[in-house]
Amino acid sequence: MEGLRIVMSGMWLQDSGSLSSGNSRLLEWFVGMVAIAMIVQAVAVVVMAVGAAKASKKGLEIAEELRSKMGPILDTTQGMIHDSAPKVKIITENLVETSHVVRSKAAEFDATASELNARTRAQAARVDGMVTSVLNTTADVSETLQRAVKVPVREFAGLVNGFKAGVDVLVGRAKEFGRGKASQERDL
């Protein structure tokens, strides 16, 4: 508003000959439009201020309502946390103790399993030695039996061959002997 007064007073103080009457009318219209625009802006600012005040008041009411409803919940939660803290501490201590027991039992189980494994290996080696010994003994017995059977069979076969050769020789001489007398008698 103050700007409008300054412009209007500035227009009155001017010489009438400096502006034509058409230009001065245009200037008055322009100044009027500026004044109306400034009034509209002022009204808009006032409306926005009133709206902001209402929104602020509504926001404070919501915050107060939220605080009044959340207060007991927060108090209850805080009480529960305060009451459960020692219980949680006991539970964690029990878990630590349980983990130590589980570790010791696992170590015992590992030792037992290792001992059982060692015993099993020893037994397996013992059984392997026994089986190897039995197989070696069986092979030796088989070889001895083969020798015991082969040598007499060979000797018997040799005797039979020798007897056969002797018989063949005797039979051959007997044939020659019989042929020899007959051929001598013929020759005679």
C-alpha atoms as a PDB file:
ATOM      1  CA  MET A   1       0.000   0.000   0.000  1.00  0.00           C
ATOM      2  CA  GLU A   2       2.762   2.331   0.834  1.00  0.00           C
ATOM      3  CA  GLY A   3       4.231   1.840  -2.622  1.00  0.00           C
ATOM      4  CA  LEU A   4       0.932   2.874  -4.205  1.00  0.00           C
ATOM      5  CA  ARG A   5       0.876   6.135  -2.253  1.00  0.00           C
ATOM      6  CA  ILE A   6       4.412   6.954  -3.263  1.00  0.00           C
ATOM      7  CA  VAL A   7       3.664   6.338  -6.937  1.00  0.00           C
ATOM      8  CA  MET A   8       0.437   8.398  -6.783  1.00  0.00           C
ATOM      9  CA  SER A   9       2.097  11.287  -5.027  1.00  0.00           C
ATOM     10  CA  GLY A  10       4.917  11.131  -7.532  1.00  0.00           C
ATOM     11  CA  MET A  11       2.386  11.389 -10.348  1.00  0.00           C
ATOM     12  CA  TRP A  12       0.663  14.465  -8.855  1.00  0.00           C
ATOM     13  CA  LEU A  13       3.916  16.248  -8.344  1.00  0.00           C
ATOM     14  CA  GLN A  14       4.884  15.937 -11.971  1.00  0.00           C
ATOM     15  CA  ASP A  15       4.258  18.561 -14.542  1.00  0.00           C
ATOM     16  CA  SER A  16       1.123  18.151 -16.448  1.00  0.00           C
ATOM     17  CA  GLY A  17       2.955  18.803 -19.675  1.00  0.00           C
ATOM     18  CA  SER A  18       5.471  16.098 -19.165  1.00  0.00           C
ATOM     19  CA  LEU A  19       3.012  13.248 -19.660  1.00  0.00           C
ATOM     20  CA  SER A  20       0.265  13.203 -22.106  1.00  0.00           C
ATOM     21  CA  SER A  21      -3.207  12.597 -20.781  1.00  0.00           C
ATOM     22  CA  GLY A  22      -3.312   9.146 -22.510  1.00  0.00           C
ATOM     23  CA  ASN A  23      -0.042   8.104 -20.964  1.00  0.00           C
ATOM     24  CA  SER A  24      -1.090   9.285 -17.546  1.00  0.00           C
ATOM     25  CA  ARG A  25      -4.274   7.220 -17.804  1.00  0.00           C
ATOM     26  CA  LEU A  26      -2.225   4.153 -18.707  1.00  0.00           C
ATOM     27  CA  LEU A  27       0.049   4.828 -15.805  1.00  0.00           C
ATOM     28  CA  GLU A  28      -2.913   5.127 -13.424  1.00  0.00           C
ATOM     29  CA  TRP A  29      -4.301   1.774 -14.734  1.00  0.00           C
ATOM     30  CA  PHE A  30      -0.908   0.139 -14.330  1.00  0.00           C
ATOM     31  CA  VAL A  31      -0.541   1.471 -10.801  1.00  0.00           C
ATOM     32  CA  GLY A  32      -4.069   0.252  -9.990  1.00  0.00           C
ATOM     33  CA  MET A  33      -3.290  -3.233 -11.313  1.00  0.00           C
ATOM     34  CA  VAL A  34      -0.117  -3.348  -9.251  1.00  0.00           C
ATOM     35  CA  ALA A  35      -2.110  -2.301  -6.191  1.00  0.00           C
ATOM     36  CA  ILE A  36      -4.727  -4.993  -6.812  1.00  0.00           C
ATOM     37  CA  ALA A  37      -1.983  -7.628  -7.316  1.00  0.00           C
ATOM     38  CA  MET A  38      -0.383  -6.580  -4.028  1.00  0.00           C
ATOM     39  CA  ILE A  39      -3.747  -6.781  -2.229  1.00  0.00           C
ATOM     40  CA  VAL A  40      -4.336 -10.274  -3.679  1.00  0.00           C
ATOM     41  CA  GLN A  41      -0.851 -11.310  -2.538  1.00  0.00           C
ATOM     42  CA  ALA A  42      -1.524  -9.936   0.951  1.00  0.00           C
ATOM     43  CA  VAL A  43      -4.813 -11.852   1.149  1.00  0.00           C
ATOM     44  CA  ALA A  44      -3.064 -15.050  -0.047  1.00  0.00           C
ATOM     45  CA  VAL A  45      -0.323 -14.628   2.583  1.00  0.00           C
ATOM     46  CA  VAL A  46      -2.942 -14.067   5.313  1.00  0.00           C
ATOM     47  CA  VAL A  47      -4.908 -17.170   4.174  1.00  0.00           C
ATOM     48  CA  MET A  48      -1.690 -19.229   4.135  1.00  0.00           C
ATOM     49  CA  ALA A  49      -0.771 -17.966   7.611  1.00  0.00           C
ATOM     50  CA  VAL A  50      -4.222 -18.908   8.940  1.00  0.00           C
ATOM     51  CA  GLY A  51      -3.941 -22.356   7.253  1.00  0.00           C
ATOM     52  CA  ALA A  52      -0.469 -22.883   8.702  1.00  0.00           C
ATOM     53  CA  ALA A  53      -1.735 -21.918  12.158  1.00  0.00           C
ATOM     54  CA  LYS A  54      -4.613 -24.414  11.851  1.00  0.00           C
ATOM     55  CA  ALA A  55      -2.233 -27.155  10.579  1.00  0.00           C
ATOM     56  CA  SER A  56       0.189 -26.413  13.387  1.00  0.00           C
ATOM     57  CA  LYS A  57      -2.619 -26.597  15.947  1.00  0.00           C
ATOM     58  CA  LYS A  58      -3.874 -29.885  14.418  1.00  0.00           C
ATOM     59  CA  GLY A  59      -0.305 -31.312  14.399  1.00  0.00           C
ATOM     60  CA  LEU A  60       0.127 -30.402  18.070  1.00  0.00           C
ATOM     61  CA  GLU A  61      -3.201 -32.074  18.892  1.00  0.00           C
ATOM     62  CA  ILE A  62      -2.144 -35.259  17.050  1.00  0.00           C
ATOM     63  CA  ALA A  63       1.248 -35.252  18.782  1.00  0.00           C
ATOM     64  CA  GLU A  64      -0.419 -34.812  22.180  1.00  0.00           C
ATOM     65  CA  GLU A  65      -2.891 -37.625  21.455  1.00  0.00           C
ATOM     66  CA  LEU A  66      -0.062 -39.879  20.281  1.00  0.00           C
ATOM     67  CA  ARG A  67       1.950 -39.070  23.392  1.00  0.00           C
ATOM     68  CA  SER A  68      -1.002 -39.824  25.657  1.00  0.00           C
ATOM     69  CA  LYS A  69      -1.622 -43.189  23.953  1.00  0.00           C
ATOM     70  CA  MET A  70       2.024 -44.210  23.579  1.00  0.00           C
ATOM     71  CA  GLY A  71       3.052 -43.222  27.109  1.00  0.00           C
ATOM     72  CA  PRO A  72       1.486 -46.249  28.855  1.00  0.00           C
ATOM     73  CA  ILE A  73       2.774 -48.600  26.149  1.00  0.00           C
ATOM     74  CA  LEU A  74       6.298 -47.248  26.554  1.00  0.00           C
ATOM     75  CA  ASP A  75       6.029 -47.523  30.348  1.00  0.00           C
ATOM     76  CA  THR A  76       4.829 -51.130  30.076  1.00  0.00           C
ATOM     77  CA  THR A  77       7.591 -51.981  27.619  1.00  0.00           C
ATOM     78  CA  GLN A  78      10.194 -50.385  29.847  1.00  0.00           C
ATOM     79  CA  GLY A  79       8.867 -52.381  32.818  1.00  0.00           C
ATOM     80  CA  MET A  80       8.987 -55.621  30.834  1.00  0.00           C
ATOM     81  CA  ILE A  81      12.553 -54.938  29.746  1.00  0.00           C
ATOM     82  CA  HIS A  82      13.525 -54.113  33.325  1.00  0.00           C
ATOM     83  CA  ASP A  83      11.892 -57.321  34.604  1.00  0.00           C
ATOM     84  CA  SER A  84      13.260 -59.582  31.863  1.00  0.00           C
ATOM     85  CA  ALA A  85      16.869 -58.334  31.980  1.00  0.00           C
ATOM     86  CA  PRO A  86      17.914 -60.702  34.830  1.00  0.00           C
ATOM     87  CA  LYS A  87      16.116 -63.606  33.139  1.00  0.00           C
ATOM     88  CA  VAL A  88      17.911 -62.937  29.858  1.00  0.00           C
ATOM     89  CA  LYS A  89      21.199 -62.794  31.747  1.00  0.00           C
ATOM     90  CA  ILE A  90      20.480 -66.197  33.350  1.00  0.00           C
ATOM     91  CA  ILE A  91      19.548 -67.646  29.964  1.00  0.00           C
ATOM     92  CA  THR A  92      22.793 -66.421  28.391  1.00  0.00           C
ATOM     93  CA  GLU A  93      24.811 -67.823  31.303  1.00  0.00           C
ATOM     94  CA  ASN A  94      23.023 -71.170  30.890  1.00  0.00           C
ATOM     95  CA  LEU A  95      23.758 -71.124  27.166  1.00  0.00           C
ATOM     96  CA  VAL A  96      27.444 -70.491  27.864  1.00  0.00           C
ATOM     97  CA  GLU A  97      27.524 -73.360  30.376  1.00  0.00           C
ATOM     98  CA  THR A  98      25.661 -75.636  27.965  1.00  0.00           C
ATOM     99  CA  SER A  99      28.094 -74.819  25.188  1.00  0.00           C
ATOM    100  CA  HIS A 100      31.012 -75.748  27.486  1.00  0.00           C
ATOM    101  CA  VAL A 101      29.316 -79.072  28.355  1.00  0.00           C
ATOM    102  CA  VAL A 102      28.629 -79.777  24.680  1.00  0.00           C
ATOM    103  CA  ARG A 103      32.249 -79.012  23.803  1.00  0.00           C
ATOM    104  CA  SER A 104      33.578 -81.345  26.521  1.00  0.00           C
ATOM    105  CA  LYS A 105      31.202 -84.130  25.446  1.00  0.00           C
ATOM    106  CA  ALA A 106      32.215 -83.604  21.842  1.00  0.00           C
ATOM    107  CA  ALA A 107      35.873 -83.914  22.884  1.00  0.00           C
ATOM    108  CA  GLU A 108      35.060 -87.139  24.784  1.00  0.00           C
ATOM    109  CA  PHE A 109      33.178 -88.487  21.785  1.00  0.00           C
ATOM    110  CA  ASP A 110      36.100 -87.575  19.536  1.00  0.00           C
ATOM    111  CA  ALA A 111      38.522 -89.361  21.858  1.00  0.00           C
ATOM    112  CA  THR A 112      36.255 -92.430  21.986  1.00  0.00           C
ATOM    113  CA  ALA A 113      35.838 -92.431  18.221  1.00  0.00           C
ATOM    114  CA  SER A 114      39.608 -92.086  17.743  1.00  0.00           C
ATOM    115  CA  GLU A 115      40.254 -94.955  20.169  1.00  0.00           C
ATOM    116  CA  LEU A 116      37.631 -97.110  18.456  1.00  0.00           C
ATOM    117  CA  ASN A 117      39.156 -96.280  15.094  1.00  0.00           C
ATOM    118  CA  ALA A 118      42.632 -97.238  16.335  1.00  0.00           C
ATOM    119  CA  ARG A 119      41.332-100.515  17.760  1.00  0.00           C
ATOM    120  CA  THR A 120      39.487-101.268  14.542  1.00  0.00           C
ATOM    121  CA  ARG A 121      42.644-100.641  12.549  1.00  0.00           C
ATOM    122  CA  ALA A 122      44.648-102.890  14.878  1.00  0.00           C
ATOM    123  CA  GLN A 123      42.042-105.667  14.573  1.00  0.00           C
ATOM    124  CA  ALA A 124      41.962-105.248  10.806  1.00  0.00           C
ATOM    125  CA  ALA A 125      45.759-105.523  10.684  1.00  0.00           C
ATOM    126  CA  ARG A 126      45.601-108.605  12.934  1.00  0.00           C
ATOM    127  CA  VAL A 127      42.932-110.239  10.774  1.00  0.00           C
ATOM    128  CA  ASP A 128      44.927-109.319   7.676  1.00  0.00           C
ATOM    129  CA  GLY A 129      47.989-110.987   9.204  1.00  0.00           C
ATOM    130  CA  MET A 130      45.954-114.073  10.062  1.00  0.00           C
ATOM    131  CA  VAL A 131      44.464-114.297   6.577  1.00  0.00           C
ATOM    132  CA  THR A 132      47.877-113.766   5.004  1.00  0.00           C
ATOM    133  CA  SER A 133      49.347-116.487   7.232  1.00  0.00           C
ATOM    134  CA  VAL A 134      46.511-118.894   6.336  1.00  0.00           C
ATOM    135  CA  LEU A 135      46.929-118.150   2.629  1.00  0.00           C
ATOM    136  CA  ASN A 136      50.709-118.616   2.831  1.00  0.00           C
ATOM    137  CA  THR A 137      50.282-121.873   4.762  1.00  0.00           C
ATOM    138  CA  THR A 138      47.700-123.082   2.243  1.00  0.00           C
ATOM    139  CA  ALA A 139      50.067-122.256  -0.604  1.00  0.00           C
ATOM    140  CA  ASP A 140      52.912-124.087   1.174  1.00  0.00           C
ATOM    141  CA  VAL A 141      50.701-127.128   1.843  1.00  0.00           C
ATOM    142  CA  SER A 142      49.546-127.125  -1.765  1.00  0.00           C
ATOM    143  CA  GLU A 143      53.112-126.910  -2.991  1.00  0.00           C
ATOM    144  CA  THR A 144      54.197-129.687  -0.608  1.00  0.00           C
ATOM    145  CA  LEU A 145      51.308-131.873  -1.756  1.00  0.00           C
ATOM    146  CA  GLN A 146      52.179-131.238  -5.360  1.00  0.00           C
ATOM    147  CA  ARG A 147      55.785-132.167  -4.697  1.00  0.00           C
ATOM    148  CA  ALA A 148      54.714-135.190  -2.683  1.00  0.00           C
ATOM    149  CA  VAL A 149      52.482-136.388  -5.496  1.00  0.00           C
ATOM    150  CA  LYS A 150      54.598-135.312  -8.492  1.00  0.00           C
ATOM    151  CA  VAL A 151      57.902-136.799  -7.374  1.00  0.00           C
ATOM    152  CA  PRO A 152      56.550-140.328  -6.723  1.00  0.00           C
ATOM    153  CA  VAL A 153      54.435-140.144  -9.885  1.00  0.00           C
ATOM    154  CA  ARG A 154      57.514-139.101 -11.869  1.00  0.00           C
ATOM    155  CA  GLU A 155      59.583-141.807 -10.286  1.00  0.00           C
ATOM    156  CA  PHE A 156      56.828-144.352 -10.948  1.00  0.00           C
ATOM    157  CA  ALA A 157      56.496-143.072 -14.502  1.00  0.00           C
ATOM    158  CA  GLY A 158      60.268-143.371 -14.868  1.00  0.00           C
ATOM    159  CA  LEU A 159      60.173-146.921 -13.520  1.00  0.00           C
ATOM    160  CA  VAL A 160      57.300-147.789 -15.841  1.00  0.00           C
ATOM    161  CA  ASN A 161      59.175-146.272 -18.783  1.00  0.00           C
ATOM    162  CA  GLY A 162      62.302-148.108 -17.763  1.00  0.00           C
ATOM    163  CA  PHE A 163      60.380-151.369 -17.373  1.00  0.00           C
ATOM    164  CA  LYS A 164      58.717-150.787 -20.724  1.00  0.00           C
ATOM    165  CA  ALA A 165      62.068-150.064 -22.337  1.00  0.00           C
ATOM    166  CA  GLY A 166      63.491-153.217 -20.753  1.00  0.00           C
ATOM    167  CA  VAL A 167      60.558-155.270 -21.935  1.00  0.00           C
ATOM    168  CA  ASP A 168      60.877-153.758 -25.390  1.00  0.00           C
ATOM    169  CA  VAL A 169      64.543-154.592 -25.449  1.00  0.00           C
ATOM    170  CA  LEU A 170      63.893-158.145 -24.266  1.00  0.00           C
ATOM    171  CA  VAL A 171      61.081-158.593 -26.709  1.00  0.00           C
ATOM    172  CA  GLY A 172      63.240-157.136 -29.456  1.00  0.00           C
ATOM    173  CA  ARG A 173      66.127-159.510 -28.637  1.00  0.00           C
ATOM    174  CA  ALA A 174      63.809-162.407 -28.372  1.00  0.00           C
ATOM    175  CA  LYS A 175      62.538-161.671 -31.826  1.00  0.00           C
ATOM    176  CA  GLU A 176      66.029-161.309 -33.102  1.00  0.00           C
ATOM    177  CA  PHE A 177      67.078-164.380 -31.301  1.00  0.00           C
ATOM    178  CA  GLY A 178      64.262-166.365 -32.864  1.00  0.00           C
ATOM    179  CA  ARG A 179      65.034-164.915 -36.261  1.00  0.00           C
ATOM    180  CA  GLY A 180      68.656-165.530 -35.799  1.00  0.00           C
ATOM    181  CA  LYS A 181      68.239-169.312 -35.319  1.00  0.00           C
ATOM    182  CA  ALA A 182      65.853-169.552 -38.158  1.00  0.00           C
ATOM    183  CA  SER A 183      68.180-167.598 -40.441  1.00  0.00           C
ATOM    184  CA  GLN A 184      71.128-169.676 -39.352  1.00  0.00           C
ATOM    185  CA  GLU A 185      69.233-172.859 -40.108  1.00  0.00           C
ATOM    186  CA  ARG A 186      68.298-171.558 -43.481  1.00  0.00           C
ATOM    187  CA  ASP A 187      71.778-170.601 -44.174  1.00  0.00           C
ATOM    188  CA  LEU A 188      72.858-174.015 -43.384  1.00  0.00           C
END
